[in-house]
Amino acid sequence: MNLGRQQQGVALITIMLVVVIATVLGVSMSTDQHFAVNRARTFFDQGIVRQYALGGEELARQILHQDFIEAPLTDHLDENWAAKDLRFEFEQGEIELLIEDLNSRLNLNSLAIEGEGRRLAKDRLTSLFAEQGLDATYIDRVLDWVDQNNSVSALGAEDFAYLGLERPYRAANGPMADLSELRLILEMDAEKFDQIVPFVAAIADPNAKININTASPQVLQAIAPGLSLSAAESIAAGRDSDGPFQSLNDFTGNSSLGTSAVNVTTGGLSVQSNFFQVSIRARFQDRFGYLTSIIQRDPTDGTMRVIYRDQGKKVQPFITEQQDEINNG
């Protein structure tokens, strides 16, 4: 009788163990399934966000193409592409665009040009760096970075200078693919980088011209040696309010240039733009995605191609705006 009770007890314990194991397995399978569903949903939502961002890039291409159709000979800051409120709403989401004219800045890759083009680019960059309180040494270091030889310029730096660093690397000896490469220039710290980056670009074409209709007062100063910042701001304000320069002669004949007009070299200048940076923030429900693209527009027929695309770069001012939204609940 005792044996029968023992067997019943063992059977009961066995059943309980089976129930416990089945319950644990069921909970584990349910949890794994829940995580799998969430991962799939997240992947799906992020895919939608990426497509929204690419859709924003296509919208920017259409805006720039329409601009070329309407005004193929000049580009200025009063055109639709330069608006600061380019926002398009879609089902459960939206896209925000910021289109910037890279031809409004001094191109660091212009230092790769030989001869007179290099001298002119170097003079303008030297003037800009001086205006921003940065040593002219950096100009030679950038030159050595983008040229295709290992010969050291007067105050420059080639491989031997970089290989001696705590984390060694080599000079690119070729055009900058992204403006972030400027941070790799010897002794270029974050503070100096942030100080100069609004006025320079890393355009693939070293012969890209500077658009005087979109250039900032600081860039206008670099173009016209001896021009004061207040005079440059006056020129920019008049240009933006009264209408853009239709020709380079309109610019050099501007009375606000004063005696600096004689110092202006029109080489490398234009009233038209061919390279644009498009910063995109896409939102689908509560998920955000960012994309930075550089679009090249052909000056003869307006056709465009994307020459650079980065989905990993943080996009300003959208990042700050999103953080403000989070902080404000």
Protein backbone atom coordinates (compact mmCIF):
# COMPACT_ATOMS: atom_id res chain seq x y z
CA MET A 1 0.00 0.00 0.00
CA ASN A 2 2.83 2.32 0.87
CA LEU A 3 4.45 1.33 -2.43
CA GLY A 4 1.33 2.34 -4.32
CA ARG A 5 1.24 5.71 -2.58
CA GLN A 6 4.94 6.24 -3.38
CA GLN A 7 4.31 5.45 -7.03
CA GLN A 8 1.37 7.87 -7.04
CA GLY A 9 3.60 10.54 -5.49
CA VAL A 10 6.33 9.96 -8.05
CA ALA A 11 3.74 10.14 -10.85
CA LEU A 12 2.34 13.38 -9.45
CA ILE A 13 5.80 14.91 -9.18
CA THR A 14 6.58 13.80 -12.71
CA ILE A 15 3.38 15.35 -14.00
CA MET A 16 4.14 18.58 -12.15
CA LEU A 17 7.66 18.64 -13.61
CA VAL A 18 6.25 18.09 -17.08
CA VAL A 19 3.77 20.93 -16.53
CA VAL A 20 6.52 23.22 -15.25
CA ILE A 21 8.82 22.38 -18.18
CA ALA A 22 5.99 22.86 -20.67
CA THR A 23 5.08 26.17 -19.06
CA VAL A 24 8.70 27.38 -19.14
CA LEU A 25 9.06 26.31 -22.77
CA GLY A 26 5.76 27.95 -23.65
CA VAL A 27 6.75 31.23 -21.97
CA SER A 28 10.18 31.12 -23.63
CA MET A 29 8.66 30.48 -27.06
CA SER A 30 6.12 33.22 -26.52
CA THR A 31 8.84 35.65 -25.44
CA ASP A 32 11.05 34.75 -28.41
CA GLN A 33 8.09 35.15 -30.72
CA HIS A 34 7.27 38.54 -29.19
CA PHE A 35 10.85 39.71 -29.66
CA ALA A 36 10.89 38.38 -33.22
CA VAL A 37 7.68 40.23 -34.03
CA ASN A 38 9.07 43.45 -32.52
CA ARG A 39 12.33 43.07 -34.44
CA ALA A 40 10.45 42.47 -37.66
CA ARG A 41 8.21 45.48 -36.99
CA THR A 42 11.20 47.67 -36.18
CA PHE A 43 13.01 46.54 -39.34
CA PHE A 44 9.87 47.14 -41.38
CA ASP A 45 9.32 50.62 -39.90
CA GLN A 46 12.97 51.57 -40.43
CA GLY A 47 12.67 50.41 -44.02
CA ILE A 48 9.73 52.76 -44.49
CA VAL A 49 11.72 55.61 -42.92
CA ARG A 50 14.63 54.94 -45.30
CA GLN A 51 12.26 55.01 -48.26
CA TYR A 52 10.74 58.25 -47.00
CA ALA A 53 14.25 59.75 -46.79
CA LEU A 54 15.06 58.63 -50.33
CA GLY A 55 11.73 60.10 -51.38
CA GLY A 56 12.88 63.39 -49.85
CA GLU A 57 16.02 63.20 -51.98
CA GLU A 58 13.88 62.74 -55.08
CA LEU A 59 11.72 65.71 -54.07
CA ALA A 60 14.87 67.82 -53.79
CA ARG A 61 15.92 66.72 -57.27
CA GLN A 62 12.54 67.77 -58.65
CA ILE A 63 12.72 71.15 -56.90
CA LEU A 64 16.21 71.79 -58.28
CA HIS A 65 15.23 70.68 -61.75
CA GLN A 66 12.20 72.96 -61.75
CA ASP A 67 14.44 75.81 -60.61
CA PHE A 68 16.71 75.19 -63.60
CA ILE A 69 13.74 75.24 -65.99
CA GLU A 70 12.50 78.56 -64.57
CA ALA A 71 15.87 80.32 -64.20
CA PRO A 72 18.78 78.42 -65.77
CA LEU A 73 21.31 81.25 -65.75
CA THR A 74 21.30 82.40 -62.11
CA ASP A 75 20.84 80.89 -58.67
CA HIS A 76 20.15 82.91 -55.55
CA LEU A 77 18.69 82.65 -52.04
CA ASP A 78 15.24 83.94 -52.95
CA GLU A 79 14.45 80.85 -55.02
CA ASN A 80 12.21 78.01 -53.86
CA TRP A 81 15.04 75.54 -53.25
CA ALA A 82 16.57 77.86 -50.62
CA ALA A 83 13.41 78.04 -48.49
CA LYS A 84 13.86 77.05 -44.84
CA ASP A 85 10.40 75.49 -44.45
CA LEU A 86 10.43 72.67 -47.00
CA ARG A 87 8.16 70.19 -45.24
CA PHE A 88 5.96 67.55 -46.84
CA GLU A 89 3.44 65.47 -44.90
CA PHE A 90 2.51 61.89 -45.73
CA GLU A 91 0.34 59.23 -44.12
CA GLN A 92 1.68 58.70 -40.58
CA GLY A 93 4.80 60.69 -41.33
CA GLU A 94 6.56 63.64 -42.90
CA ILE A 95 9.72 64.74 -44.69
CA GLU A 96 11.75 67.89 -44.04
CA LEU A 97 14.36 69.17 -46.48
CA LEU A 98 17.21 71.62 -46.19
CA ILE A 99 18.91 72.39 -49.51
CA GLU A 100 22.22 74.25 -49.30
CA ASP A 101 24.32 75.59 -52.13
CA LEU A 102 27.84 74.16 -51.87
CA ASN A 103 28.97 76.66 -54.50
CA SER A 104 28.42 79.34 -51.89
CA ARG A 105 31.56 78.13 -50.10
CA LEU A 106 35.28 77.91 -50.82
CA ASN A 107 36.15 74.47 -52.17
CA LEU A 108 39.10 72.87 -50.37
CA ASN A 109 39.66 70.55 -53.32
CA SER A 110 40.45 73.58 -55.49
CA LEU A 111 43.93 73.42 -54.00
CA ALA A 112 44.49 70.33 -56.14
CA ILE A 113 44.44 72.47 -59.29
CA GLU A 114 47.83 73.27 -60.79
CA GLY A 115 49.05 76.72 -61.74
CA GLU A 116 47.01 79.93 -61.47
CA GLY A 117 43.91 78.12 -60.24
CA ARG A 118 45.77 76.83 -57.19
CA ARG A 119 47.27 80.24 -56.43
CA LEU A 120 43.86 81.89 -56.56
CA ALA A 121 42.25 79.18 -54.39
CA LYS A 122 45.12 79.40 -51.90
CA ASP A 123 44.86 83.20 -51.65
CA ARG A 124 41.12 83.06 -50.98
CA LEU A 125 41.39 80.27 -48.41
CA THR A 126 44.29 82.05 -46.70
CA SER A 127 42.16 85.19 -46.45
CA LEU A 128 39.19 83.23 -45.08
CA PHE A 129 41.27 81.41 -42.48
CA ALA A 130 42.85 84.69 -41.39
CA GLU A 131 39.40 86.29 -41.04
CA GLN A 132 38.41 83.41 -38.76
CA GLY A 133 41.58 83.70 -36.71
CA LEU A 134 43.16 80.47 -37.98
CA ASP A 135 46.81 80.09 -38.91
CA ALA A 136 47.68 80.01 -42.62
CA THR A 137 49.71 76.87 -41.88
CA TYR A 138 46.53 74.86 -42.31
CA ILE A 139 46.26 75.92 -45.96
CA ASP A 140 49.55 74.22 -46.86
CA ARG A 141 48.53 71.17 -44.86
CA VAL A 142 45.24 70.93 -46.74
CA LEU A 143 47.16 71.40 -50.01
CA ASP A 144 49.45 68.47 -49.14
CA TRP A 145 46.41 66.41 -48.20
CA VAL A 146 44.62 66.86 -51.54
CA ASP A 147 47.57 66.94 -53.96
CA GLN A 148 48.80 63.69 -55.47
CA ASN A 149 52.43 63.73 -54.38
CA ASN A 150 54.46 63.28 -51.21
CA SER A 151 56.36 66.56 -51.59
CA VAL A 152 55.92 68.78 -48.55
CA SER A 153 54.74 72.35 -49.14
CA ALA A 154 56.33 75.26 -47.28
CA LEU A 155 54.34 74.78 -44.06
CA GLY A 156 52.59 71.57 -45.00
CA ALA A 157 52.61 67.97 -43.81
CA GLU A 158 52.84 64.65 -45.63
CA ASP A 159 52.91 61.00 -44.55
CA PHE A 160 55.90 61.24 -42.22
CA ALA A 161 54.09 63.82 -40.05
CA TYR A 162 50.96 61.69 -39.72
CA LEU A 163 52.73 58.35 -39.27
CA GLY A 164 54.46 59.76 -36.21
CA LEU A 165 51.17 60.43 -34.40
CA GLU A 166 49.89 58.29 -31.52
CA ARG A 167 47.32 56.87 -33.92
CA PRO A 168 49.20 56.94 -37.22
CA TYR A 169 47.64 57.29 -40.65
CA ARG A 170 48.64 58.53 -44.07
CA ALA A 171 47.74 61.67 -46.00
CA ALA A 172 45.03 61.08 -48.59
CA ASN A 173 47.04 62.51 -51.49
CA GLY A 174 43.77 62.99 -53.34
CA PRO A 175 40.63 65.14 -53.22
CA MET A 176 38.58 65.13 -50.02
CA ALA A 177 35.50 62.93 -50.37
CA ASP A 178 33.81 64.44 -47.32
CA LEU A 179 34.34 67.63 -45.36
CA SER A 180 34.92 65.56 -42.21
CA GLU A 181 38.39 64.76 -43.62
CA LEU A 182 39.37 68.28 -42.59
CA ARG A 183 39.46 66.98 -39.01
CA LEU A 184 42.32 64.69 -40.02
CA ILE A 185 44.55 67.61 -40.98
CA LEU A 186 47.47 67.89 -38.61
CA GLU A 187 46.51 69.81 -35.41
CA MET A 188 42.99 70.59 -36.69
CA ASP A 189 40.96 70.25 -33.49
CA ALA A 190 37.17 70.29 -33.09
CA GLU A 191 37.04 73.99 -32.16
CA LYS A 192 38.97 75.11 -35.25
CA PHE A 193 36.95 72.75 -37.43
CA ASP A 194 33.63 74.12 -36.19
CA GLN A 195 34.91 77.64 -36.75
CA ILE A 196 35.77 77.19 -40.42
CA VAL A 197 33.36 74.49 -41.60
CA PRO A 198 30.39 76.82 -42.40
CA PHE A 199 32.45 78.54 -45.10
CA VAL A 200 34.21 75.66 -46.87
CA ALA A 201 33.18 72.59 -48.85
CA ALA A 202 34.71 69.41 -50.25
CA ILE A 203 33.26 69.47 -53.76
CA ALA A 204 34.42 66.62 -55.99
CA ASP A 205 35.09 68.97 -58.92
CA PRO A 206 38.17 71.08 -58.07
CA ASN A 207 37.10 73.59 -60.73
CA ALA A 208 33.70 74.26 -59.11
CA LYS A 209 33.05 78.01 -59.03
CA ILE A 210 31.89 80.22 -56.18
CA ASN A 211 28.39 81.65 -56.58
CA ILE A 212 28.50 85.30 -55.52
CA ASN A 213 24.69 85.31 -55.20
CA THR A 214 24.70 82.76 -52.38
CA ALA A 215 28.09 83.37 -50.78
CA SER A 216 28.12 84.48 -47.15
CA PRO A 217 29.65 87.83 -46.14
CA GLN A 218 32.71 85.93 -44.86
CA VAL A 219 33.23 84.28 -48.26
CA LEU A 220 32.71 87.63 -50.01
CA GLN A 221 35.48 89.01 -47.84
CA ALA A 222 37.78 86.22 -49.00
CA ILE A 223 36.90 86.99 -52.62
CA ALA A 224 37.54 90.72 -52.21
CA PRO A 225 40.73 91.22 -50.14
CA GLY A 226 40.54 94.33 -47.96
CA LEU A 227 36.75 94.30 -47.78
CA SER A 228 35.46 94.83 -44.24
CA LEU A 229 32.90 92.48 -42.74
CA SER A 230 30.36 95.29 -42.43
CA ALA A 231 30.77 96.15 -46.13
CA ALA A 232 30.44 92.47 -47.06
CA GLU A 233 27.27 92.22 -44.98
CA SER A 234 25.91 95.32 -46.74
CA ILE A 235 26.58 93.74 -50.15
CA ALA A 236 24.91 90.48 -49.12
CA ALA A 237 21.89 92.30 -47.66
CA GLY A 238 21.42 94.42 -50.79
CA ARG A 239 21.83 91.40 -53.03
CA ASP A 240 19.22 89.42 -51.09
CA SER A 241 16.69 92.26 -50.87
CA ASP A 242 17.08 94.05 -54.22
CA GLY A 243 17.72 91.04 -56.41
CA PRO A 244 20.69 88.84 -57.32
CA PHE A 245 23.69 89.79 -59.42
CA GLN A 246 22.96 88.94 -63.05
CA SER A 247 26.62 88.96 -64.01
CA LEU A 248 30.08 89.20 -62.51
CA ASN A 249 30.30 92.79 -63.77
CA ASP A 250 27.31 93.65 -61.58
CA PHE A 251 29.28 92.38 -58.61
CA THR A 252 32.59 94.06 -59.36
CA GLY A 253 30.71 97.30 -60.08
CA ASN A 254 28.94 97.29 -56.72
CA SER A 255 29.64 100.57 -54.93
CA SER A 256 29.93 98.85 -51.55
CA LEU A 257 33.10 97.13 -52.71
CA GLY A 258 34.85 100.50 -52.66
CA THR A 259 38.57 100.28 -53.24
CA SER A 260 38.43 96.49 -52.77
CA ALA A 261 36.92 96.20 -56.26
CA VAL A 262 40.38 96.46 -57.80
CA ASN A 263 41.47 93.40 -55.77
CA VAL A 264 38.68 91.17 -57.04
CA THR A 265 39.72 88.47 -59.48
CA THR A 266 36.68 87.08 -61.29
CA GLY A 267 38.34 83.74 -62.04
CA GLY A 268 36.52 80.92 -60.29
CA LEU A 269 33.41 83.06 -59.70
CA SER A 270 29.90 82.61 -61.09
CA VAL A 271 26.24 83.55 -60.62
CA GLN A 272 25.16 79.94 -61.09
CA SER A 273 25.37 76.82 -58.89
CA ASN A 274 25.92 73.18 -59.77
CA PHE A 275 26.43 71.39 -56.44
CA PHE A 276 23.82 71.19 -53.68
CA GLN A 277 23.80 69.46 -50.33
CA VAL A 278 20.40 68.10 -49.32
CA SER A 279 19.80 67.33 -45.64
CA ILE A 280 16.70 65.24 -45.02
CA ARG A 281 14.78 64.27 -41.90
CA ALA A 282 12.12 61.62 -42.44
CA ARG A 283 9.57 60.53 -39.85
CA PHE A 284 7.25 57.52 -39.89
CA GLN A 285 5.06 57.35 -36.77
CA ASP A 286 7.59 57.77 -33.94
CA ARG A 287 10.69 56.74 -35.87
CA PHE A 288 13.13 59.17 -37.46
CA GLY A 289 15.65 58.72 -40.25
CA TYR A 290 18.28 61.07 -41.65
CA LEU A 291 19.97 61.33 -45.02
CA THR A 292 22.57 63.69 -46.43
CA SER A 293 22.97 63.74 -50.21
CA ILE A 294 25.06 65.82 -52.57
CA ILE A 295 23.46 66.46 -55.94
CA GLN A 296 25.32 67.67 -59.01
CA ARG A 297 23.23 69.58 -61.54
CA ASP A 298 24.48 69.91 -65.11
CA PRO A 299 24.66 73.64 -66.03
CA THR A 300 23.72 73.01 -69.65
CA ASP A 301 20.60 70.82 -69.48
CA GLY A 302 19.73 70.63 -65.79
CA THR A 303 20.16 66.86 -65.50
CA MET A 304 21.15 65.71 -62.03
CA ARG A 305 22.96 62.87 -60.37
CA VAL A 306 23.59 61.97 -56.75
CA ILE A 307 27.34 61.85 -56.18
CA TYR A 308 27.29 61.30 -52.40
CA ARG A 309 24.84 59.78 -49.97
CA ASP A 310 25.20 59.25 -46.21
CA GLN A 311 22.46 57.78 -44.01
CA GLY A 312 24.67 57.62 -40.95
CA LYS A 313 25.53 61.31 -40.60
CA LYS A 314 23.69 63.38 -38.01
CA VAL A 315 21.84 66.16 -39.76
CA GLN A 316 21.69 69.66 -38.30
CA PRO A 317 19.54 71.56 -37.52
CA PHE A 318 17.09 68.64 -37.47
CA ILE A 319 18.87 66.83 -34.60
CA THR A 320 18.57 69.89 -32.37
CA GLU A 321 14.93 70.37 -33.35
CA GLN A 322 14.10 66.76 -32.52
CA GLN A 323 15.83 67.02 -29.15
CA ASP A 324 13.79 70.14 -28.38
CA GLU A 325 10.60 68.23 -29.21
CA ILE A 326 11.62 65.44 -26.83
CA ASN A 327 12.54 67.86 -24.04
CA ASN A 328 9.24 69.71 -24.42
CA GLY A 329 7.27 66.48 -24.23
